[in-house]
Amino acid sequence: DVDVGHSGTYQCVATNQLGQDRHSVFRALSPELALEV
């Protein structure tokens, strides 16, 4: 149940690790979602 304090921008950062040693880290940042309460 949202209140006015939940207003603002939200983003999601997706991360995975690839390679045999899993030292290669990849990130994808979502576009900002503006939420107005």
All heavy atoms as atom14 arrays in JSON, in Angstrom:
{
  "sequence": "DVDVGHSGTYQCVATNQLGQDRHSVFRALSPELALEV",
  "atom14_mask": [
    [1, 1, 1, 1, 1, 1, 1, 1, 0, 0, 0, 0, 0, 0],
    [1, 1, 1, 1, 1, 1, 1, 0, 0, 0, 0, 0, 0, 0],
    [1, 1, 1, 1, 1, 1, 1, 1, 0, 0, 0, 0, 0, 0],
    [1, 1, 1, 1, 1, 1, 1, 0, 0, 0, 0, 0, 0, 0],
    [1, 1, 1, 1, 0, 0, 0, 0, 0, 0, 0, 0, 0, 0],
    [1, 1, 1, 1, 1, 1, 1, 1, 1, 1, 0, 0, 0, 0],
    [1, 1, 1, 1, 1, 1, 0, 0, 0, 0, 0, 0, 0, 0],
    [1, 1, 1, 1, 0, 0, 0, 0, 0, 0, 0, 0, 0, 0],
    [1, 1, 1, 1, 1, 1, 1, 0, 0, 0, 0, 0, 0, 0],
    [1, 1, 1, 1, 1, 1, 1, 1, 1, 1, 1, 1, 0, 0],
    [1, 1, 1, 1, 1, 1, 1, 1, 1, 0, 0, 0, 0, 0],
    [1, 1, 1, 1, 1, 1, 0, 0, 0, 0, 0, 0, 0, 0],
    [1, 1, 1, 1, 1, 1, 1, 0, 0, 0, 0, 0, 0, 0],
    [1, 1, 1, 1, 1, 0, 0, 0, 0, 0, 0, 0, 0, 0],
    [1, 1, 1, 1, 1, 1, 1, 0, 0, 0, 0, 0, 0, 0],
    [1, 1, 1, 1, 1, 1, 1, 1, 0, 0, 0, 0, 0, 0],
    [1, 1, 1, 1, 1, 1, 1, 1, 1, 0, 0, 0, 0, 0],
    [1, 1, 1, 1, 1, 1, 1, 1, 0, 0, 0, 0, 0, 0],
    [1, 1, 1, 1, 0, 0, 0, 0, 0, 0, 0, 0, 0, 0],
    [1, 1, 1, 1, 1, 1, 1, 1, 1, 0, 0, 0, 0, 0],
    [1, 1, 1, 1, 1, 1, 1, 1, 0, 0, 0, 0, 0, 0],
    [1, 1, 1, 1, 1, 1, 1, 1, 1, 1, 1, 0, 0, 0],
    [1, 1, 1, 1, 1, 1, 1, 1, 1, 1, 0, 0, 0, 0],
    [1, 1, 1, 1, 1, 1, 0, 0, 0, 0, 0, 0, 0, 0],
    [1, 1, 1, 1, 1, 1, 1, 0, 0, 0, 0, 0, 0, 0],
    [1, 1, 1, 1, 1, 1, 1, 1, 1, 1, 1, 0, 0, 0],
    [1, 1, 1, 1, 1, 1, 1, 1, 1, 1, 1, 0, 0, 0],
    [1, 1, 1, 1, 1, 0, 0, 0, 0, 0, 0, 0, 0, 0],
    [1, 1, 1, 1, 1, 1, 1, 1, 0, 0, 0, 0, 0, 0],
    [1, 1, 1, 1, 1, 1, 0, 0, 0, 0, 0, 0, 0, 0],
    [1, 1, 1, 1, 1, 1, 1, 0, 0, 0, 0, 0, 0, 0],
    [1, 1, 1, 1, 1, 1, 1, 1, 1, 0, 0, 0, 0, 0],
    [1, 1, 1, 1, 1, 1, 1, 1, 0, 0, 0, 0, 0, 0],
    [1, 1, 1, 1, 1, 0, 0, 0, 0, 0, 0, 0, 0, 0],
    [1, 1, 1, 1, 1, 1, 1, 1, 0, 0, 0, 0, 0, 0],
    [1, 1, 1, 1, 1, 1, 1, 1, 1, 0, 0, 0, 0, 0],
    [1, 1, 1, 1, 1, 1, 1, 0, 0, 0, 0, 0, 0, 0]
  ],
  "atom14_positions": [
    [[0.86, -1.18, 0.0], [0.0, 0.0, 0.0], [0.9, 1.23, 0.0], [1.49, 1.57, 1.02], [-0.91, 0.01, 1.23], [-1.86, -1.18, 1.23], [-2.12, -1.74, 0.16], [-2.35, -1.53, 2.32], [0.0, 0.0, 0.0], [0.0, 0.0, 0.0], [0.0, 0.0, 0.0], [0.0, 0.0, 0.0], [0.0, 0.0, 0.0], [0.0, 0.0, 0.0]],
    [[0.98, 1.89, -1.15], [1.94, 2.98, -1.31], [1.5, 4.25, -0.58], [0.31, 4.45, -0.31], [2.18, 3.32, -2.8], [2.84, 2.16, -3.52], [0.91, 3.74, -3.49], [0.0, 0.0, 0.0], [0.0, 0.0, 0.0], [0.0, 0.0, 0.0], [0.0, 0.0, 0.0], [0.0, 0.0, 0.0], [0.0, 0.0, 0.0], [0.0, 0.0, 0.0]],
    [[2.49, 5.06, -0.24], [2.22, 6.4, 0.28], [3.05, 7.38, -0.54], [3.76, 7.0, -1.47], [2.51, 6.5, 1.78], [3.96, 6.19, 2.13], [4.85, 6.41, 1.29], [4.2, 5.73, 3.26], [0.0, 0.0, 0.0], [0.0, 0.0, 0.0], [0.0, 0.0, 0.0], [0.0, 0.0, 0.0], [0.0, 0.0, 0.0], [0.0, 0.0, 0.0]],
    [[2.95, 8.66, -0.22], [3.61, 9.68, -1.01], [5.13, 9.47, -1.05], [5.79, 9.79, -2.03], [3.25, 11.09, -0.46], [3.97, 12.18, -1.21], [1.74, 11.31, -0.53], [0.0, 0.0, 0.0], [0.0, 0.0, 0.0], [0.0, 0.0, 0.0], [0.0, 0.0, 0.0], [0.0, 0.0, 0.0], [0.0, 0.0, 0.0], [0.0, 0.0, 0.0]],
    [[5.7, 8.88, -0.01], [7.13, 8.61, 0.03], [7.61, 7.62, -1.03], [8.8, 7.54, -1.31], [0.0, 0.0, 0.0], [0.0, 0.0, 0.0], [0.0, 0.0, 0.0], [0.0, 0.0, 0.0], [0.0, 0.0, 0.0], [0.0, 0.0, 0.0], [0.0, 0.0, 0.0], [0.0, 0.0, 0.0], [0.0, 0.0, 0.0], [0.0, 0.0, 0.0]],
    [[6.7, 6.85, -1.62], [7.07, 5.92, -2.69], [7.22, 6.62, -4.04], [7.64, 6.0, -5.01], [6.04, 4.79, -2.8], [6.11, 3.8, -1.69], [5.21, 3.78, -0.66], [6.98, 2.8, -1.45], [5.51, 2.8, 0.18], [6.59, 2.19, -0.28], [0.0, 0.0, 0.0], [0.0, 0.0, 0.0], [0.0, 0.0, 0.0], [0.0, 0.0, 0.0]],
    [[6.84, 7.89, -4.13], [6.98, 8.62, -5.39], [8.46, 8.73, -5.75], [9.32, 8.75, -4.88], [6.39, 10.03, -5.26], [5.0, 9.97, -5.11], [0.0, 0.0, 0.0], [0.0, 0.0, 0.0], [0.0, 0.0, 0.0], [0.0, 0.0, 0.0], [0.0, 0.0, 0.0], [0.0, 0.0, 0.0], [0.0, 0.0, 0.0], [0.0, 0.0, 0.0]],
    [[8.73, 8.8, -7.04], [10.1, 8.96, -7.51], [10.4, 8.05, -8.68], [9.49, 7.52, -9.32], [0.0, 0.0, 0.0], [0.0, 0.0, 0.0], [0.0, 0.0, 0.0], [0.0, 0.0, 0.0], [0.0, 0.0, 0.0], [0.0, 0.0, 0.0], [0.0, 0.0, 0.0], [0.0, 0.0, 0.0], [0.0, 0.0, 0.0], [0.0, 0.0, 0.0]],
    [[11.69, 7.86, -8.95], [12.08, 7.02, -10.08], [12.59, 5.67, -9.58], [13.23, 5.58, -8.54], [13.2, 7.7, -10.91], [14.32, 7.94, -10.06], [12.71, 8.99, -11.52], [0.0, 0.0, 0.0], [0.0, 0.0, 0.0], [0.0, 0.0, 0.0], [0.0, 0.0, 0.0], [0.0, 0.0, 0.0], [0.0, 0.0, 0.0], [0.0, 0.0, 0.0]],
    [[12.24, 4.65, -10.33], [12.66, 3.27, -10.03], [13.45, 2.75, -11.22], [13.1, 3.0, -12.37], [11.45, 2.38, -9.76], [10.79, 2.67, -8.44], [9.82, 3.67, -8.33], [11.16, 1.98, -7.29], [9.23, 3.96, -7.11], [10.57, 2.26, -6.06], [9.61, 3.25, -5.98], [9.04, 3.54, -4.77], [0.0, 0.0, 0.0], [0.0, 0.0, 0.0]],
    [[14.52, 2.01, -10.91], [15.32, 1.33, -11.92], [15.66, -0.06, -11.42], [15.73, -0.29, -10.21], [16.62, 2.09, -12.21], [16.44, 3.27, -13.13], [17.78, 3.84, -13.54], [18.52, 4.34, -12.69], [18.09, 3.75, -14.82], [0.0, 0.0, 0.0], [0.0, 0.0, 0.0], [0.0, 0.0, 0.0], [0.0, 0.0, 0.0], [0.0, 0.0, 0.0]],
    [[15.88, -0.91, -12.38], [16.27, -2.28, -12.08], [17.65, -2.52, -12.72], [17.88, -2.15, -13.87], [15.23, -3.22, -12.67], [15.72, -4.94, -12.66], [0.0, 0.0, 0.0], [0.0, 0.0, 0.0], [0.0, 0.0, 0.0], [0.0, 0.0, 0.0], [0.0, 0.0, 0.0], [0.0, 0.0, 0.0], [0.0, 0.0, 0.0], [0.0, 0.0, 0.0]],
    [[18.55, -3.13, -11.95], [19.86, -3.5, -12.46], [19.91, -5.03, -12.53], [19.78, -5.71, -11.51], [21.0, -2.98, -11.54], [22.35, -3.39, -12.11], [20.9, -1.48, -11.35], [0.0, 0.0, 0.0], [0.0, 0.0, 0.0], [0.0, 0.0, 0.0], [0.0, 0.0, 0.0], [0.0, 0.0, 0.0], [0.0, 0.0, 0.0], [0.0, 0.0, 0.0]],
    [[20.02, -5.56, -13.74], [20.12, -7.01, -13.94], [21.6, -7.35, -14.12], [22.33, -6.67, -14.84], [19.32, -7.42, -15.16], [0.0, 0.0, 0.0], [0.0, 0.0, 0.0], [0.0, 0.0, 0.0], [0.0, 0.0, 0.0], [0.0, 0.0, 0.0], [0.0, 0.0, 0.0], [0.0, 0.0, 0.0], [0.0, 0.0, 0.0], [0.0, 0.0, 0.0]],
    [[22.02, -8.42, -13.43], [23.43, -8.8, -13.45], [23.56, -10.31, -13.67], [22.77, -11.08, -13.13], [24.09, -8.44, -12.09], [23.83, -7.08, -11.79], [25.58, -8.66, -12.13], [0.0, 0.0, 0.0], [0.0, 0.0, 0.0], [0.0, 0.0, 0.0], [0.0, 0.0, 0.0], [0.0, 0.0, 0.0], [0.0, 0.0, 0.0], [0.0, 0.0, 0.0]],
    [[24.55, -10.71, -14.47], [24.93, -12.13, -14.54], [26.45, -12.23, -14.72], [27.11, -11.25, -15.04], [24.14, -12.89, -15.61], [24.53, -12.53, -17.02], [25.26, -11.58, -17.25], [24.01, -13.29, -17.99], [0.0, 0.0, 0.0], [0.0, 0.0, 0.0], [0.0, 0.0, 0.0], [0.0, 0.0, 0.0], [0.0, 0.0, 0.0], [0.0, 0.0, 0.0]],
    [[26.97, -13.42, -14.44], [28.41, -13.67, -14.54], [28.63, -14.77, -15.55], [27.93, -15.78, -15.54], [28.96, -14.09, -13.17], [28.8, -13.02, -12.12], [29.22, -13.51, -10.74], [29.36, -14.7, -10.51], [29.43, -12.57, -9.84], [0.0, 0.0, 0.0], [0.0, 0.0, 0.0], [0.0, 0.0, 0.0], [0.0, 0.0, 0.0], [0.0, 0.0, 0.0]],
    [[29.57, -14.54, -16.42], [29.86, -15.51, -17.46], [31.34, -15.9, -17.45], [32.16, -15.22, -16.84], [29.49, -14.95, -18.83], [27.99, -14.65, -19.06], [27.79, -14.04, -20.43], [27.17, -15.91, -18.92], [0.0, 0.0, 0.0], [0.0, 0.0, 0.0], [0.0, 0.0, 0.0], [0.0, 0.0, 0.0], [0.0, 0.0, 0.0], [0.0, 0.0, 0.0]],
    [[31.62, -16.95, -18.14], [33.0, -17.44, -18.24], [33.23, -18.6, -17.29], [32.46, -18.83, -16.36], [0.0, 0.0, 0.0], [0.0, 0.0, 0.0], [0.0, 0.0, 0.0], [0.0, 0.0, 0.0], [0.0, 0.0, 0.0], [0.0, 0.0, 0.0], [0.0, 0.0, 0.0], [0.0, 0.0, 0.0], [0.0, 0.0, 0.0], [0.0, 0.0, 0.0]],
    [[34.29, -19.34, -17.57], [34.58, -20.51, -16.74], [34.9, -20.12, -15.31], [34.56, -20.82, -14.38], [35.73, -21.3, -17.34], [35.36, -21.95, -18.64], [36.53, -22.74, -19.23], [37.68, -22.57, -18.82], [36.22, -23.59, -20.19], [0.0, 0.0, 0.0], [0.0, 0.0, 0.0], [0.0, 0.0, 0.0], [0.0, 0.0, 0.0], [0.0, 0.0, 0.0]],
    [[35.53, -19.0, -15.12], [35.88, -18.6, -13.77], [34.84, -17.64, -13.16], [35.0, -17.2, -12.03], [37.26, -17.94, -13.76], [37.35, -16.79, -14.75], [36.32, -16.43, -15.38], [38.46, -16.23, -14.9], [0.0, 0.0, 0.0], [0.0, 0.0, 0.0], [0.0, 0.0, 0.0], [0.0, 0.0, 0.0], [0.0, 0.0, 0.0], [0.0, 0.0, 0.0]],
    [[33.82, -17.28, -13.92], [32.71, -16.4, -13.48], [33.23, -15.03, -13.0], [32.64, -14.41, -12.15], [31.87, -17.05, -12.39], [31.19, -18.32, -12.83], [29.7, -18.19, -12.52], [28.99, -19.4, -12.91], [28.11, -19.43, -13.89], [27.83, -18.36, -14.57], [27.49, -20.54, -14.18], [0.0, 0.0, 0.0], [0.0, 0.0, 0.0], [0.0, 0.0, 0.0]],
    [[34.36, -14.59, -13.58], [34.88, -13.28, -13.22], [34.37, -12.19, -14.15], [34.54, -11.02, -13.87], [36.42, -13.29, -13.24], [36.99, -14.07, -12.1], [36.77, -13.74, -10.79], [37.78, -15.17, -12.08], [37.4, -14.6, -10.01], [38.03, -15.5, -10.78], [0.0, 0.0, 0.0], [0.0, 0.0, 0.0], [0.0, 0.0, 0.0], [0.0, 0.0, 0.0]],
    [[33.73, -12.58, -15.23], [33.18, -11.58, -16.15], [31.76, -11.26, -15.71], [30.86, -12.09, -15.76], [33.15, -12.12, -17.58], [34.46, -12.43, -18.0], [0.0, 0.0, 0.0], [0.0, 0.0, 0.0], [0.0, 0.0, 0.0], [0.0, 0.0, 0.0], [0.0, 0.0, 0.0], [0.0, 0.0, 0.0], [0.0, 0.0, 0.0], [0.0, 0.0, 0.0]],
    [[31.54, -10.03, -15.22], [30.23, -9.59, -14.71], [29.61, -8.64, -15.73], [30.26, -7.71, -16.19], [30.38, -8.88, -13.33], [29.03, -8.38, -12.85], [31.0, -9.82, -12.32], [0.0, 0.0, 0.0], [0.0, 0.0, 0.0], [0.0, 0.0, 0.0], [0.0, 0.0, 0.0], [0.0, 0.0, 0.0], [0.0, 0.0, 0.0], [0.0, 0.0, 0.0]],
    [[28.35, -8.9, -16.03], [27.62, -8.06, -17.0], [26.4, -7.45, -16.3], [25.75, -8.1, -15.49], [27.18, -8.9, -18.21], [28.33, -9.47, -18.98], [28.83, -10.73, -18.67], [28.94, -8.73, -19.99], [29.9, -11.25, -19.38], [30.02, -9.25, -20.68], [30.5, -10.52, -20.39], [0.0, 0.0, 0.0], [0.0, 0.0, 0.0], [0.0, 0.0, 0.0]],
    [[26.15, -6.2, -16.63], [25.01, -5.49, -16.02], [24.17, -4.84, -17.1], [24.71, -4.33, -18.09], [25.49, -4.39, -15.09], [26.15, -4.95, -13.88], [26.68, -3.88, -13.01], [27.57, -4.61, -12.1], [27.68, -4.41, -10.83], [27.03, -3.47, -10.29], [28.44, -5.14, -10.08], [0.0, 0.0, 0.0], [0.0, 0.0, 0.0], [0.0, 0.0, 0.0]],
    [[22.87, -4.82, -16.85], [21.93, -4.11, -17.74], [21.04, -3.25, -16.84], [20.4, -3.76, -15.92], [21.1, -5.1, -18.54], [0.0, 0.0, 0.0], [0.0, 0.0, 0.0], [0.0, 0.0, 0.0], [0.0, 0.0, 0.0], [0.0, 0.0, 0.0], [0.0, 0.0, 0.0], [0.0, 0.0, 0.0], [0.0, 0.0, 0.0], [0.0, 0.0, 0.0]],
    [[21.03, -1.96, -17.11], [20.24, -1.02, -16.32], [18.97, -0.7, -17.09], [19.02, -0.32, -18.27], [21.07, 0.25, -16.08], [20.46, 1.31, -15.18], [20.24, 0.78, -13.76], [21.38, 2.53, -15.12], [0.0, 0.0, 0.0], [0.0, 0.0, 0.0], [0.0, 0.0, 0.0], [0.0, 0.0, 0.0], [0.0, 0.0, 0.0], [0.0, 0.0, 0.0]],
    [[17.83, -0.86, -16.43], [16.55, -0.58, -17.09], [16.36, 0.94, -17.23], [17.0, 1.71, -16.52], [15.4, -1.15, -16.26], [15.22, -0.38, -15.08], [0.0, 0.0, 0.0], [0.0, 0.0, 0.0], [0.0, 0.0, 0.0], [0.0, 0.0, 0.0], [0.0, 0.0, 0.0], [0.0, 0.0, 0.0], [0.0, 0.0, 0.0], [0.0, 0.0, 0.0]],
    [[15.49, 1.35, -18.13], [15.11, 2.76, -18.16], [14.42, 3.13, -16.85], [13.83, 2.26, -16.18], [14.14, 2.87, -19.34], [14.33, 1.63, -20.14], [14.84, 0.59, -19.19], [0.0, 0.0, 0.0], [0.0, 0.0, 0.0], [0.0, 0.0, 0.0], [0.0, 0.0, 0.0], [0.0, 0.0, 0.0], [0.0, 0.0, 0.0], [0.0, 0.0, 0.0]],
    [[14.47, 4.4, -16.48], [13.81, 4.84, -15.25], [12.29, 4.79, -15.41], [11.75, 5.13, -16.46], [14.21, 6.28, -14.9], [15.63, 6.41, -14.42], [15.96, 7.83, -13.98], [15.18, 8.76, -14.29], [16.99, 8.01, -13.32], [0.0, 0.0, 0.0], [0.0, 0.0, 0.0], [0.0, 0.0, 0.0], [0.0, 0.0, 0.0], [0.0, 0.0, 0.0]],
    [[11.64, 4.34, -14.35], [10.18, 4.36, -14.29], [9.8, 5.41, -13.25], [10.18, 5.29, -12.08], [9.63, 2.99, -13.87], [8.14, 2.96, -13.58], [7.35, 2.96, -14.89], [7.76, 1.77, -12.74], [0.0, 0.0, 0.0], [0.0, 0.0, 0.0], [0.0, 0.0, 0.0], [0.0, 0.0, 0.0], [0.0, 0.0, 0.0], [0.0, 0.0, 0.0]],
    [[9.11, 6.44, -13.69], [8.66, 7.48, -12.76], [7.31, 7.07, -12.17], [6.37, 6.76, -12.9], [8.55, 8.82, -13.48], [0.0, 0.0, 0.0], [0.0, 0.0, 0.0], [0.0, 0.0, 0.0], [0.0, 0.0, 0.0], [0.0, 0.0, 0.0], [0.0, 0.0, 0.0], [0.0, 0.0, 0.0], [0.0, 0.0, 0.0], [0.0, 0.0, 0.0]],
    [[7.24, 7.07, -10.86], [5.99, 6.71, -10.17], [5.55, 7.91, -9.33], [6.32, 8.42, -8.52], [6.22, 5.49, -9.27], [4.99, 4.95, -8.55], [3.99, 4.37, -9.54], [5.38, 3.91, -7.53], [0.0, 0.0, 0.0], [0.0, 0.0, 0.0], [0.0, 0.0, 0.0], [0.0, 0.0, 0.0], [0.0, 0.0, 0.0], [0.0, 0.0, 0.0]],
    [[4.33, 8.37, -9.56], [3.78, 9.49, -8.8], [2.63, 8.98, -7.94], [1.68, 8.42, -8.45], [3.28, 10.58, -9.75], [2.76, 11.8, -9.01], [2.24, 12.87, -9.95], [2.28, 12.67, -11.19], [1.78, 13.89, -9.45], [0.0, 0.0, 0.0], [0.0, 0.0, 0.0], [0.0, 0.0, 0.0], [0.0, 0.0, 0.0], [0.0, 0.0, 0.0]],
    [[2.76, 9.18, -6.63], [1.72, 8.76, -5.69], [0.97, 10.0, -5.26], [1.54, 10.91, -4.65], [2.31, 8.03, -4.47], [1.21, 7.6, -3.52], [3.12, 6.82, -4.92], [0.0, 0.0, 0.0], [0.0, 0.0, 0.0], [0.0, 0.0, 0.0], [0.0, 0.0, 0.0], [0.0, 0.0, 0.0], [0.0, 0.0, 0.0], [0.0, 0.0, 0.0]]
  ]
}
